[in-house]
Amino acid sequence: MGSKRDFKPWLTYAFLVINIGWFAFTYLVYGTTTDSRVLLDTGANFMPYVFQNHEYWRILSATFVHIGMSHLLFNMMTLYFMGPELEEILGHIKFLLIYLIAGIGGNLTSLAFNTGVSAGASTALFGMFAAFIVLAIIHPDSHYLWQRSRSFIILVGLNLVNGFLSPGIDNWGHLGGLLFGALATYVIGSKGKSKAKLWQRGLVAVLSGIIAVFLVYYAYQEFLHYFER
């Protein structure tokens, strides 16, 4: 799993361009990237808009919306340093699928348990952290993957603790991205000699679908009671 000099992580670069471009467009048009109305206009996740207005695309678009410059910079630095490495390990298609599944899964989890406006690439980024950890588990002979995953376990733990202690951080989105990133990696991320057997991967795929259906159902039930609060 060593580095190949001719490998081009073009999907990582594409996601960087989309995120930065989305942020720049928002700032140029609205003059701010922190106002809730602006965030909603540009694709942030919000339960009433998703269900009442049938704007289901928000569970994807929210992955590219950022709340202020520091939010964007932190996430883009993480993507820049971690993305090329994971994209090379997985290959372009698997990387794309895991990134999007984690992002959507994280936003779906946020939809179910967070009634506020939420946005950011961190749902997908937590899925990338999970991908490294799961890859190390299903490829136990890879010293490289274990070394990388140990540092990411610490980083994930610190971020989750910070999220629980700090107001305004959508930890539900982080946890959802972590979960769906892990599940997706177990199903499609194995390469070569792996501990993940075909029937186990199939079972995890079914479990993932059940979790997603439950989250949609729970989120809709929360929406039905939203205006009673």
C-alpha atoms as a PDB file:
ATOM      1  CA  MET A   1       0.000   0.000   0.000  1.00  0.00           C
ATOM      2  CA  GLY A   2       2.897   2.271  -0.633  1.00  0.00           C
ATOM      3  CA  SER A   3       2.644   5.568  -2.452  1.00  0.00           C
ATOM      4  CA  LYS A   4       2.638   5.644  -6.221  1.00  0.00           C
ATOM      5  CA  ARG A   5       4.149   8.770  -7.661  1.00  0.00           C
ATOM      6  CA  ASP A   6       1.937   8.673 -10.743  1.00  0.00           C
ATOM      7  CA  PHE A   7      -1.322   8.324  -8.789  1.00  0.00           C
ATOM      8  CA  LYS A   8      -3.604  11.344  -9.103  1.00  0.00           C
ATOM      9  CA  PRO A   9      -6.248  11.719  -6.374  1.00  0.00           C
ATOM     10  CA  TRP A  10      -8.507  13.689  -8.683  1.00  0.00           C
ATOM     11  CA  LEU A  11     -11.664  12.958  -6.692  1.00  0.00           C
ATOM     12  CA  THR A  12     -10.121  14.485  -3.574  1.00  0.00           C
ATOM     13  CA  TYR A  13      -9.166  17.549  -5.600  1.00  0.00           C
ATOM     14  CA  ALA A  14     -12.654  17.675  -7.116  1.00  0.00           C
ATOM     15  CA  PHE A  15     -14.259  17.655  -3.665  1.00  0.00           C
ATOM     16  CA  LEU A  16     -11.876  20.401  -2.541  1.00  0.00           C
ATOM     17  CA  VAL A  17     -12.837  22.536  -5.542  1.00  0.00           C
ATOM     18  CA  ILE A  18     -16.571  21.933  -5.033  1.00  0.00           C
ATOM     19  CA  ASN A  19     -16.456  22.794  -1.324  1.00  0.00           C
ATOM     20  CA  ILE A  20     -14.309  25.893  -1.751  1.00  0.00           C
ATOM     21  CA  GLY A  21     -16.271  26.995  -4.823  1.00  0.00           C
ATOM     22  CA  TRP A  22     -19.579  26.543  -3.006  1.00  0.00           C
ATOM     23  CA  PHE A  23     -18.299  28.623  -0.105  1.00  0.00           C
ATOM     24  CA  ALA A  24     -16.930  31.369  -2.387  1.00  0.00           C
ATOM     25  CA  PHE A  25     -20.177  31.528  -4.364  1.00  0.00           C
ATOM     26  CA  THR A  26     -22.194  31.844  -1.154  1.00  0.00           C
ATOM     27  CA  TYR A  27     -20.017  34.646   0.165  1.00  0.00           C
ATOM     28  CA  LEU A  28     -20.002  36.561  -3.132  1.00  0.00           C
ATOM     29  CA  VAL A  29     -23.773  36.358  -3.539  1.00  0.00           C
ATOM     30  CA  TYR A  30     -24.898  36.797   0.073  1.00  0.00           C
ATOM     31  CA  GLY A  31     -21.941  38.506   1.771  1.00  0.00           C
ATOM     32  CA  THR A  32     -22.002  35.990   4.634  1.00  0.00           C
ATOM     33  CA  THR A  33     -21.740  32.246   5.197  1.00  0.00           C
ATOM     34  CA  THR A  34     -22.990  32.092   8.783  1.00  0.00           C
ATOM     35  CA  ASP A  35     -26.579  33.345   8.597  1.00  0.00           C
ATOM     36  CA  SER A  36     -29.128  30.540   8.956  1.00  0.00           C
ATOM     37  CA  ARG A  37     -31.278  31.836   6.101  1.00  0.00           C
ATOM     38  CA  VAL A  38     -28.277  31.917   3.790  1.00  0.00           C
ATOM     39  CA  LEU A  39     -27.268  28.414   4.824  1.00  0.00           C
ATOM     40  CA  LEU A  40     -30.760  27.156   4.036  1.00  0.00           C
ATOM     41  CA  ASP A  41     -30.791  28.962   0.693  1.00  0.00           C
ATOM     42  CA  THR A  42     -27.535  27.255  -0.273  1.00  0.00           C
ATOM     43  CA  GLY A  43     -28.399  23.688   0.732  1.00  0.00           C
ATOM     44  CA  ALA A  44     -27.968  23.157   4.481  1.00  0.00           C
ATOM     45  CA  ASN A  45     -29.799  20.314   6.216  1.00  0.00           C
ATOM     46  CA  PHE A  46     -32.986  21.181   8.124  1.00  0.00           C
ATOM     47  CA  MET A  47     -35.756  18.748   9.055  1.00  0.00           C
ATOM     48  CA  PRO A  48     -38.821  20.906   8.199  1.00  0.00           C
ATOM     49  CA  TYR A  49     -37.423  21.824   4.774  1.00  0.00           C
ATOM     50  CA  VAL A  50     -36.581  18.220   3.960  1.00  0.00           C
ATOM     51  CA  PHE A  51     -40.013  16.803   4.804  1.00  0.00           C
ATOM     52  CA  GLN A  52     -42.419  19.726   4.485  1.00  0.00           C
ATOM     53  CA  ASN A  53     -40.906  21.043   1.244  1.00  0.00           C
ATOM     54  CA  HIS A  54     -39.790  17.607   0.004  1.00  0.00           C
ATOM     55  CA  GLU A  55     -36.218  18.890  -0.400  1.00  0.00           C
ATOM     56  CA  TYR A  56     -34.584  15.499   0.057  1.00  0.00           C
ATOM     57  CA  TRP A  57     -31.492  16.591  -1.850  1.00  0.00           C
ATOM     58  CA  ARG A  58     -30.397  18.480   1.269  1.00  0.00           C
ATOM     59  CA  ILE A  59     -29.025  15.285   2.827  1.00  0.00           C
ATOM     60  CA  LEU A  60     -26.386  15.421   0.078  1.00  0.00           C
ATOM     61  CA  SER A  61     -25.989  19.164  -0.556  1.00  0.00           C
ATOM     62  CA  ALA A  62     -25.394  19.892   3.143  1.00  0.00           C
ATOM     63  CA  THR A  63     -22.088  18.037   2.808  1.00  0.00           C
ATOM     64  CA  PHE A  64     -20.769  20.919   0.674  1.00  0.00           C
ATOM     65  CA  VAL A  65     -22.068  23.845   2.767  1.00  0.00           C
ATOM     66  CA  HIS A  66     -19.828  25.379   5.448  1.00  0.00           C
ATOM     67  CA  ILE A  67     -20.578  27.767   8.286  1.00  0.00           C
ATOM     68  CA  GLY A  68     -17.807  30.362   8.286  1.00  0.00           C
ATOM     69  CA  MET A  69     -14.178  30.372   7.171  1.00  0.00           C
ATOM     70  CA  SER A  70     -12.756  28.411  10.117  1.00  0.00           C
ATOM     71  CA  HIS A  71     -15.265  25.601   9.518  1.00  0.00           C
ATOM     72  CA  LEU A  72     -14.259  25.412   5.855  1.00  0.00           C
ATOM     73  CA  LEU A  73     -10.511  25.594   6.514  1.00  0.00           C
ATOM     74  CA  PHE A  74     -10.500  22.859   9.149  1.00  0.00           C
ATOM     75  CA  ASN A  75     -12.506  20.478   6.978  1.00  0.00           C
ATOM     76  CA  MET A  76     -10.574  21.211   3.793  1.00  0.00           C
ATOM     77  CA  MET A  77      -7.215  20.740   5.518  1.00  0.00           C
ATOM     78  CA  THR A  78      -8.428  17.369   6.796  1.00  0.00           C
ATOM     79  CA  LEU A  79      -9.630  16.385   3.326  1.00  0.00           C
ATOM     80  CA  TYR A  80      -6.412  17.599   1.673  1.00  0.00           C
ATOM     81  CA  PHE A  81      -4.113  15.593   3.951  1.00  0.00           C
ATOM     82  CA  MET A  82      -6.230  12.460   4.374  1.00  0.00           C
ATOM     83  CA  GLY A  83      -8.128  12.209   1.090  1.00  0.00           C
ATOM     84  CA  PRO A  84      -5.294  11.383  -1.350  1.00  0.00           C
ATOM     85  CA  GLU A  85      -4.015   8.620   0.914  1.00  0.00           C
ATOM     86  CA  LEU A  86      -7.398   6.941   1.263  1.00  0.00           C
ATOM     87  CA  GLU A  87      -8.261   7.432  -2.403  1.00  0.00           C
ATOM     88  CA  GLU A  88      -5.052   5.650  -3.410  1.00  0.00           C
ATOM     89  CA  ILE A  89      -5.767   2.747  -1.056  1.00  0.00           C
ATOM     90  CA  LEU A  90      -9.384   2.294  -2.138  1.00  0.00           C
ATOM     91  CA  GLY A  91      -9.296   3.426  -5.735  1.00  0.00           C
ATOM     92  CA  HIS A  92     -11.409   6.222  -7.198  1.00  0.00           C
ATOM     93  CA  ILE A  93     -14.823   4.514  -7.329  1.00  0.00           C
ATOM     94  CA  LYS A  94     -14.759   3.008  -3.829  1.00  0.00           C
ATOM     95  CA  PHE A  95     -13.462   6.280  -2.414  1.00  0.00           C
ATOM     96  CA  LEU A  96     -16.303   8.170  -4.097  1.00  0.00           C
ATOM     97  CA  LEU A  97     -18.942   5.755  -2.824  1.00  0.00           C
ATOM     98  CA  ILE A  98     -17.667   5.729   0.756  1.00  0.00           C
ATOM     99  CA  TYR A  99     -17.347   9.528   0.839  1.00  0.00           C
ATOM    100  CA  LEU A 100     -20.902  10.035  -0.423  1.00  0.00           C
ATOM    101  CA  ILE A 101     -22.462   7.246   1.662  1.00  0.00           C
ATOM    102  CA  ALA A 102     -20.815   8.597   4.822  1.00  0.00           C
ATOM    103  CA  GLY A 103     -21.894  12.146   3.992  1.00  0.00           C
ATOM    104  CA  ILE A 104     -25.487  11.170   3.272  1.00  0.00           C
ATOM    105  CA  GLY A 105     -25.624   8.754   6.216  1.00  0.00           C
ATOM    106  CA  GLY A 106     -24.287  11.399   8.576  1.00  0.00           C
ATOM    107  CA  ASN A 107     -26.819  13.955   7.377  1.00  0.00           C
ATOM    108  CA  LEU A 108     -29.608  11.387   7.658  1.00  0.00           C
ATOM    109  CA  THR A 109     -28.588  10.716  11.266  1.00  0.00           C
ATOM    110  CA  SER A 110     -28.508  14.446  11.943  1.00  0.00           C
ATOM    111  CA  LEU A 111     -31.955  14.752  10.388  1.00  0.00           C
ATOM    112  CA  ALA A 112     -33.293  12.202  12.868  1.00  0.00           C
ATOM    113  CA  PHE A 113     -31.736  13.561  16.056  1.00  0.00           C
ATOM    114  CA  ASN A 114     -30.921  17.227  15.423  1.00  0.00           C
ATOM    115  CA  THR A 115     -33.730  19.728  14.881  1.00  0.00           C
ATOM    116  CA  GLY A 116     -31.436  22.623  13.990  1.00  0.00           C
ATOM    117  CA  VAL A 117     -29.713  23.705  10.786  1.00  0.00           C
ATOM    118  CA  SER A 118     -26.645  21.590  10.029  1.00  0.00           C
ATOM    119  CA  ALA A 119     -23.979  21.594   7.336  1.00  0.00           C
ATOM    120  CA  GLY A 120     -20.387  20.642   6.588  1.00  0.00           C
ATOM    121  CA  ALA A 121     -18.138  18.013   5.049  1.00  0.00           C
ATOM    122  CA  SER A 122     -17.348  16.538   8.460  1.00  0.00           C
ATOM    123  CA  THR A 123     -19.997  13.829   8.012  1.00  0.00           C
ATOM    124  CA  ALA A 124     -18.006  12.508   5.046  1.00  0.00           C
ATOM    125  CA  LEU A 125     -14.663  13.138   6.774  1.00  0.00           C
ATOM    126  CA  PHE A 126     -15.671  11.092   9.814  1.00  0.00           C
ATOM    127  CA  GLY A 127     -16.596   8.377   7.352  1.00  0.00           C
ATOM    128  CA  MET A 128     -13.065   8.563   5.988  1.00  0.00           C
ATOM    129  CA  PHE A 129     -11.638   8.172   9.498  1.00  0.00           C
ATOM    130  CA  ALA A 130     -13.856   5.124   9.925  1.00  0.00           C
ATOM    131  CA  ALA A 131     -12.658   3.756   6.588  1.00  0.00           C
ATOM    132  CA  PHE A 132      -9.036   3.684   7.766  1.00  0.00           C
ATOM    133  CA  ILE A 133     -10.033   1.954  11.010  1.00  0.00           C
ATOM    134  CA  VAL A 134     -12.177  -0.689   9.294  1.00  0.00           C
ATOM    135  CA  LEU A 135      -9.521  -1.310   6.641  1.00  0.00           C
ATOM    136  CA  ALA A 136      -7.044  -2.016   9.438  1.00  0.00           C
ATOM    137  CA  ILE A 137      -9.486  -4.481  11.013  1.00  0.00           C
ATOM    138  CA  ILE A 138     -10.191  -6.427   7.815  1.00  0.00           C
ATOM    139  CA  HIS A 139      -6.515  -6.316   6.784  1.00  0.00           C
ATOM    140  CA  PRO A 140      -4.855  -7.184  10.131  1.00  0.00           C
ATOM    141  CA  ASP A 141      -1.483  -7.946   8.529  1.00  0.00           C
ATOM    142  CA  SER A 142      -1.057  -4.358   7.316  1.00  0.00           C
ATOM    143  CA  HIS A 143       1.214  -2.559   9.790  1.00  0.00           C
ATOM    144  CA  TYR A 144       0.745   0.629   7.775  1.00  0.00           C
ATOM    145  CA  LEU A 145      -3.054   0.611   8.167  1.00  0.00           C
ATOM    146  CA  TRP A 146      -2.865  -0.166  11.883  1.00  0.00           C
ATOM    147  CA  GLN A 147      -0.397   2.653  12.410  1.00  0.00           C
ATOM    148  CA  ARG A 148      -2.618   5.132  10.597  1.00  0.00           C
ATOM    149  CA  SER A 149      -5.834   3.935  12.228  1.00  0.00           C
ATOM    150  CA  ARG A 150      -4.458   4.296  15.765  1.00  0.00           C
ATOM    151  CA  SER A 151      -3.819   7.985  15.247  1.00  0.00           C
ATOM    152  CA  PHE A 152      -7.275   8.436  13.703  1.00  0.00           C
ATOM    153  CA  ILE A 153      -8.982   6.662  16.627  1.00  0.00           C
ATOM    154  CA  ILE A 154      -7.429   9.221  18.980  1.00  0.00           C
ATOM    155  CA  LEU A 155      -8.391  12.094  16.675  1.00  0.00           C
ATOM    156  CA  VAL A 156     -11.982  10.866  16.361  1.00  0.00           C
ATOM    157  CA  GLY A 157     -12.262  10.471  20.137  1.00  0.00           C
ATOM    158  CA  LEU A 158     -10.995  13.989  20.796  1.00  0.00           C
ATOM    159  CA  ASN A 159     -13.345  15.458  18.191  1.00  0.00           C
ATOM    160  CA  LEU A 160     -16.363  13.659  19.611  1.00  0.00           C
ATOM    161  CA  VAL A 161     -15.554  14.786  23.156  1.00  0.00           C
ATOM    162  CA  ASN A 162     -15.161  18.347  21.903  1.00  0.00           C
ATOM    163  CA  GLY A 163     -18.464  18.038  20.075  1.00  0.00           C
ATOM    164  CA  PHE A 164     -20.305  16.975  23.215  1.00  0.00           C
ATOM    165  CA  LEU A 165     -18.730  19.763  25.266  1.00  0.00           C
ATOM    166  CA  SER A 166     -19.143  22.570  22.723  1.00  0.00           C
ATOM    167  CA  PRO A 167     -22.546  23.990  21.720  1.00  0.00           C
ATOM    168  CA  GLY A 168     -23.341  24.285  18.028  1.00  0.00           C
ATOM    169  CA  ILE A 169     -21.414  21.196  16.892  1.00  0.00           C
ATOM    170  CA  ASP A 170     -23.534  18.528  15.207  1.00  0.00           C
ATOM    171  CA  ASN A 171     -22.124  15.404  16.826  1.00  0.00           C
ATOM    172  CA  TRP A 172     -25.047  13.344  15.536  1.00  0.00           C
ATOM    173  CA  GLY A 173     -23.815  14.048  12.028  1.00  0.00           C
ATOM    174  CA  HIS A 174     -20.299  13.027  13.028  1.00  0.00           C
ATOM    175  CA  LEU A 175     -21.505   9.788  14.612  1.00  0.00           C
ATOM    176  CA  GLY A 176     -23.667   8.998  11.600  1.00  0.00           C
ATOM    177  CA  GLY A 177     -20.809   9.634   9.195  1.00  0.00           C
ATOM    178  CA  LEU A 178     -18.583   7.420  11.316  1.00  0.00           C
ATOM    179  CA  LEU A 179     -21.165   4.614  11.343  1.00  0.00           C
ATOM    180  CA  PHE A 180     -22.060   4.679   7.655  1.00  0.00           C
ATOM    181  CA  GLY A 181     -18.433   5.141   6.625  1.00  0.00           C
ATOM    182  CA  ALA A 182     -17.527   2.048   8.637  1.00  0.00           C
ATOM    183  CA  LEU A 183     -20.396  -0.011   7.228  1.00  0.00           C
ATOM    184  CA  ALA A 184     -19.709   1.051   3.643  1.00  0.00           C
ATOM    185  CA  THR A 185     -16.005   0.279   3.970  1.00  0.00           C
ATOM    186  CA  TYR A 186     -16.704  -3.182   5.357  1.00  0.00           C
ATOM    187  CA  VAL A 187     -19.031  -3.928   2.442  1.00  0.00           C
ATOM    188  CA  ILE A 188     -17.034  -2.527  -0.488  1.00  0.00           C
ATOM    189  CA  GLY A 189     -13.625  -1.486   0.839  1.00  0.00           C
ATOM    190  CA  SER A 190     -11.796  -4.801   1.133  1.00  0.00           C
ATOM    191  CA  LYS A 191      -8.848  -5.403  -1.190  1.00  0.00           C
ATOM    192  CA  GLY A 192      -6.946  -8.628  -1.770  1.00  0.00           C
ATOM    193  CA  LYS A 193      -6.594 -10.827   1.315  1.00  0.00           C
ATOM    194  CA  SER A 194      -9.313  -9.689   3.715  1.00  0.00           C
ATOM    195  CA  LYS A 195     -11.047 -11.021   6.833  1.00  0.00           C
ATOM    196  CA  ALA A 196     -14.395  -9.757   5.487  1.00  0.00           C
ATOM    197  CA  LYS A 197     -16.168 -12.775   3.989  1.00  0.00           C
ATOM    198  CA  LEU A 198     -18.782 -12.325   1.256  1.00  0.00           C
ATOM    199  CA  TRP A 199     -21.724 -13.404   3.431  1.00  0.00           C
ATOM    200  CA  GLN A 200     -20.593 -11.061   6.208  1.00  0.00           C
ATOM    201  CA  ARG A 201     -20.411  -8.157   3.777  1.00  0.00           C
ATOM    202  CA  GLY A 202     -23.886  -9.016   2.499  1.00  0.00           C
ATOM    203  CA  LEU A 203     -25.230  -9.101   6.042  1.00  0.00           C
ATOM    204  CA  VAL A 204     -23.670  -5.720   6.817  1.00  0.00           C
ATOM    205  CA  ALA A 205     -25.177  -4.291   3.616  1.00  0.00           C
ATOM    206  CA  VAL A 206     -28.639  -5.442   4.713  1.00  0.00           C
ATOM    207  CA  LEU A 207     -28.039  -4.036   8.210  1.00  0.00           C
ATOM    208  CA  SER A 208     -27.022  -0.706   6.679  1.00  0.00           C
ATOM    209  CA  GLY A 209     -30.277  -0.552   4.746  1.00  0.00           C
ATOM    210  CA  ILE A 210     -32.302  -1.337   7.864  1.00  0.00           C
ATOM    211  CA  ILE A 211     -30.529   1.420   9.807  1.00  0.00           C
ATOM    212  CA  ALA A 212     -31.142   3.913   6.995  1.00  0.00           C
ATOM    213  CA  VAL A 213     -34.859   3.030   6.846  1.00  0.00           C
ATOM    214  CA  PHE A 214     -35.134   3.368  10.632  1.00  0.00           C
ATOM    215  CA  LEU A 215     -33.476   6.797  10.541  1.00  0.00           C
ATOM    216  CA  VAL A 216     -35.856   8.020   7.831  1.00  0.00           C
ATOM    217  CA  TYR A 217     -38.848   6.714   9.796  1.00  0.00           C
ATOM    218  CA  TYR A 218     -37.621   8.222  13.077  1.00  0.00           C
ATOM    219  CA  ALA A 219     -36.809  11.559  11.438  1.00  0.00           C
ATOM    220  CA  TYR A 220     -40.281  11.719   9.902  1.00  0.00           C
ATOM    221  CA  GLN A 221     -41.906  10.972  13.259  1.00  0.00           C
ATOM    222  CA  GLU A 222     -39.861  13.783  14.788  1.00  0.00           C
ATOM    223  CA  PHE A 223     -40.996  16.072  11.975  1.00  0.00           C
ATOM    224  CA  LEU A 224     -44.667  15.287  12.671  1.00  0.00           C
ATOM    225  CA  HIS A 225     -44.178  16.519  16.249  1.00  0.00           C
ATOM    226  CA  TYR A 226     -41.810  19.379  15.356  1.00  0.00           C
ATOM    227  CA  PHE A 227     -44.437  22.134  15.244  1.00  0.00           C
ATOM    228  CA  GLU A 228     -46.013  20.980  18.511  1.00  0.00           C
ATOM    229  CA  ARG A 229     -42.936  22.051  20.470  1.00  0.00           C
END
